[in-house]
Structure formats: structure tokens, C-alpha cells
Amino acid sequence: MNRNTSRLAVALAAVSIVLAGCAGPSATSTSGSGSGGASAASETPSPSASATSSADLKVASSSLGDIVVDGKGMTVYFFDKDTAGSGTSACAGQCLVNWPPVPAAGSTPKADGVTGELGTIKATDGSTQITLNGLPLYYFKGDSAPGDVNGQKVQDVWWVVSPTGTAIK
């Protein structure tokens, strides 16, 4: 099995583990699996320090085209259940374990190459979460390295973000 196939198998296993905690009962699953409430690792993804940037967000190339990543190269996501401009996140409890908020390094987030409007909200866990065009940004627990996009289309409610601040569907 080549490396990409192995990564895909691991990603699919991680997705099936987190499906139960990612969205409410009205969400649909495209994986065919609705079981599993356990989560993968419990800490926020931590890529190598050599991939860091002084910006909170930047643009990177991926298999989905240009996407928004954090300063360390980790992919960020939108959640369809969030409402732009509401100042709140719809992700709480187990959802936050699997989809941690993207924190701001300071009171005003900084971006390199991202053209959408940046802001912050107070996340449901009390942290300061970056928003793009009024929507909160999240990491996916199943992404383990910079550039991973394993959270794309999970339950048809999680989406990688374009540099203009729109969901890549």
C-alpha cells in the first residue's frame, strides 16, 4: 500500500470515529457509518516549528487548490451550522474535542494572503476564536500534518476555507 493510500485509510478511520460528536442528529453522513463517539488524540494538532509563520492565517496550496491554513500550516474549516455574523459558535461539547477553535495570537488576528474579513469571537470553551467573514474557524482532529484536508466534507457540514473566506464545496 503506498503512503497516500495509507493516509487515506487512517483519515477515513478517524472520520468514522468522530462522526457522532461532530454534528447534531439532523446532519447527514456520507461515510455510511454513524457509530463511534470516541475521539482521536485530545490535543490540538501540532506541526513542526519549521512550518511556522508570524501570521495567524495564511494561504497554502493543497489537493483542493489554495486554502486557508494557520501560521503552522494546519488547515482550517467552516461549520455549516454556524451563522455568519452571529458572534457565536454552534460547536460545543464533543464537537469542540474533534473540531477545536482556531485561536488568535493577539487581540487582532493577522493574515497573509487571506482577503476575507478577519475577526474574533469568544468560543464556547471560553477561548478567543478567529472568524473569517463572520464565521468561526476550526481545526480537525483528524489532520496530523500541515496541508492535511481530512476534515473536508465530513457529514457534509465541514468545509475547507478559500482565501476569500468562502467554503470550498
Protein backbone atom coordinates (compact mmCIF):
# COMPACT_ATOMS: atom_id res chain seq x y z
CA MET A 1 0.00 0.00 0.00
CA ASN A 2 1.52 3.38 -0.92
CA ARG A 3 1.80 6.27 1.53
CA ASN A 4 -1.19 8.20 0.16
CA THR A 5 -3.42 5.14 0.37
CA SER A 6 -2.29 4.55 3.95
CA ARG A 7 -3.02 8.17 4.85
CA LEU A 8 -6.45 7.91 3.28
CA ALA A 9 -7.22 4.76 5.27
CA VAL A 10 -6.15 6.45 8.51
CA ALA A 11 -8.19 9.55 7.64
CA LEU A 12 -11.30 7.51 6.91
CA ALA A 13 -10.90 5.66 10.19
CA ALA A 14 -10.53 8.96 12.07
CA VAL A 15 -13.60 10.40 10.35
CA SER A 16 -15.72 7.41 11.31
CA ILE A 17 -14.60 7.76 14.93
CA VAL A 18 -15.58 11.41 15.19
CA LEU A 19 -18.85 11.40 13.27
CA ALA A 20 -21.04 11.03 16.35
CA GLY A 21 -19.64 14.11 18.07
CA CYS A 22 -19.37 16.44 15.09
CA ALA A 23 -22.91 17.46 14.39
CA GLY A 24 -26.44 17.13 15.61
CA PRO A 25 -28.87 14.43 14.60
CA SER A 26 -30.07 16.35 11.54
CA ALA A 27 -26.67 16.12 9.82
CA THR A 28 -26.21 13.55 7.12
CA SER A 29 -23.25 11.25 6.89
CA THR A 30 -21.56 10.43 3.62
CA SER A 31 -19.34 7.73 5.06
CA GLY A 32 -22.11 5.25 5.77
CA SER A 33 -21.01 5.00 9.40
CA GLY A 34 -22.85 6.64 12.23
CA SER A 35 -21.14 4.81 15.05
CA GLY A 36 -18.38 5.76 17.40
CA GLY A 37 -18.26 8.51 19.97
CA ALA A 38 -14.61 8.24 20.87
CA SER A 39 -12.23 10.85 19.64
CA ALA A 40 -8.76 10.60 18.25
CA ALA A 41 -5.92 12.35 20.10
CA SER A 42 -7.04 15.00 22.57
CA GLU A 43 -4.71 17.89 21.82
CA THR A 44 -4.74 20.46 19.04
CA PRO A 45 -2.63 19.47 16.02
CA SER A 46 1.00 20.48 16.43
CA PRO A 47 3.03 20.63 13.24
CA SER A 48 6.78 21.13 13.20
CA ALA A 49 8.11 24.53 14.26
CA SER A 50 9.86 24.92 10.89
CA ALA A 51 6.47 25.45 9.22
CA THR A 52 5.52 28.42 11.40
CA SER A 53 4.64 31.95 10.28
CA SER A 54 4.07 35.19 12.21
CA ALA A 55 0.56 35.47 10.70
CA ASP A 56 -2.40 33.75 12.37
CA LEU A 57 -3.65 32.69 8.93
CA LYS A 58 -2.05 32.31 5.52
CA VAL A 59 -2.68 30.69 2.14
CA ALA A 60 -1.27 27.30 1.16
CA SER A 61 -1.61 25.02 -1.85
CA SER A 62 -3.42 21.72 -1.32
CA SER A 63 -5.15 18.96 -3.23
CA LEU A 64 -8.24 21.23 -3.12
CA GLY A 65 -6.39 24.26 -4.52
CA ASP A 66 -5.40 27.32 -2.46
CA ILE A 67 -6.75 27.08 1.08
CA VAL A 68 -6.51 28.93 4.39
CA VAL A 69 -4.17 27.45 6.98
CA ASP A 70 -2.86 28.69 10.32
CA GLY A 71 0.66 30.04 10.82
CA LYS A 72 1.96 26.47 11.20
CA GLY A 73 0.30 25.23 8.01
CA MET A 74 -2.63 23.39 9.59
CA THR A 75 -5.86 23.52 7.57
CA VAL A 76 -8.83 25.45 8.98
CA TYR A 77 -12.51 24.70 8.45
CA PHE A 78 -16.00 26.22 8.47
CA PHE A 79 -19.03 24.52 10.09
CA ASP A 80 -22.35 24.80 8.22
CA LYS A 81 -24.29 25.08 11.49
CA ASP A 82 -22.58 28.40 12.30
CA THR A 83 -24.29 31.65 11.28
CA ALA A 84 -22.09 34.39 9.82
CA GLY A 85 -22.00 37.49 11.99
CA SER A 86 -23.81 35.88 14.93
CA GLY A 87 -20.80 36.22 17.22
CA THR A 88 -21.26 32.63 18.42
CA SER A 89 -20.15 29.11 17.56
CA ALA A 90 -22.59 26.22 17.11
CA CYS A 91 -19.84 23.73 18.05
CA ALA A 92 -19.82 22.67 21.72
CA GLY A 93 -19.02 19.64 23.88
CA GLN A 94 -17.72 16.64 21.90
CA CYS A 95 -17.78 18.76 18.75
CA LEU A 96 -15.05 21.00 20.22
CA VAL A 97 -12.96 17.97 21.12
CA ASN A 98 -13.00 16.91 17.46
CA TRP A 99 -13.05 20.40 15.95
CA PRO A 100 -11.02 22.75 18.21
CA PRO A 101 -11.36 26.51 17.66
CA VAL A 102 -8.56 28.32 15.80
CA PRO A 103 -7.14 30.73 18.40
CA ALA A 104 -5.90 34.26 17.74
CA ALA A 105 -2.34 35.06 18.81
CA GLY A 106 -3.42 38.57 19.85
CA SER A 107 -6.49 40.77 20.04
CA THR A 108 -6.43 41.38 16.27
CA PRO A 109 -5.78 38.37 14.02
CA LYS A 110 -3.24 38.79 11.24
CA ALA A 111 -3.33 37.15 7.84
CA ASP A 112 -1.04 36.82 4.85
CA GLY A 113 -2.83 36.40 1.51
CA VAL A 114 -6.28 35.93 3.03
CA THR A 115 -8.68 38.52 1.63
CA GLY A 116 -11.80 37.83 3.70
CA GLU A 117 -12.65 39.93 6.78
CA LEU A 118 -10.93 38.72 9.96
CA GLY A 119 -12.40 38.98 13.44
CA THR A 120 -12.76 37.08 16.69
CA ILE A 121 -15.49 35.69 18.93
CA LYS A 122 -15.49 34.07 22.34
CA ALA A 123 -15.65 30.33 21.65
CA THR A 124 -17.96 28.08 23.67
CA ASP A 125 -14.89 26.84 25.59
CA GLY A 126 -14.06 30.44 26.60
CA SER A 127 -11.08 30.90 24.27
CA THR A 128 -10.79 33.59 21.61
CA GLN A 129 -11.62 32.08 18.22
CA ILE A 130 -10.71 33.59 14.84
CA THR A 131 -13.54 34.30 12.41
CA LEU A 132 -13.35 34.82 8.67
CA ASN A 133 -16.21 36.73 7.05
CA GLY A 134 -18.05 36.37 10.35
CA LEU A 135 -17.76 32.56 10.54
CA PRO A 136 -15.72 30.81 13.27
CA LEU A 137 -12.70 28.78 12.16
CA TYR A 138 -11.84 25.28 13.43
CA TYR A 139 -9.13 22.65 13.17
CA PHE A 140 -9.94 18.99 12.52
CA LYS A 141 -8.63 16.42 14.98
CA GLY A 142 -8.01 14.01 12.09
CA ASP A 143 -5.45 16.30 10.44
CA SER A 144 -1.99 15.40 11.69
CA ALA A 145 0.32 17.32 9.37
CA PRO A 146 0.37 20.69 7.62
CA GLY A 147 -1.71 20.57 4.45
CA ASP A 148 -3.91 17.63 5.52
CA VAL A 149 -7.53 18.17 4.45
CA ASN A 150 -9.08 15.09 6.09
CA GLY A 151 -11.97 17.11 7.54
CA GLN A 152 -13.25 18.20 4.14
CA LYS A 153 -16.94 17.32 3.69
CA VAL A 154 -17.28 15.42 7.00
CA GLN A 155 -21.04 14.83 7.39
CA ASP A 156 -21.49 17.38 4.58
CA VAL A 157 -21.21 20.17 7.18
CA TRP A 158 -17.41 20.76 7.50
CA TRP A 159 -15.53 22.62 4.76
CA VAL A 160 -12.02 23.76 3.98
CA VAL A 161 -11.84 27.55 3.59
CA SER A 162 -10.77 29.50 0.48
CA PRO A 163 -8.53 32.61 0.77
CA THR A 164 -11.58 34.80 0.04
CA GLY A 165 -13.36 33.38 3.09
CA THR A 166 -15.81 31.03 1.40
CA ALA A 167 -16.29 27.32 1.97
CA ILE A 168 -14.74 25.04 -0.64
CA LYS A 169 -17.53 22.65 -1.55
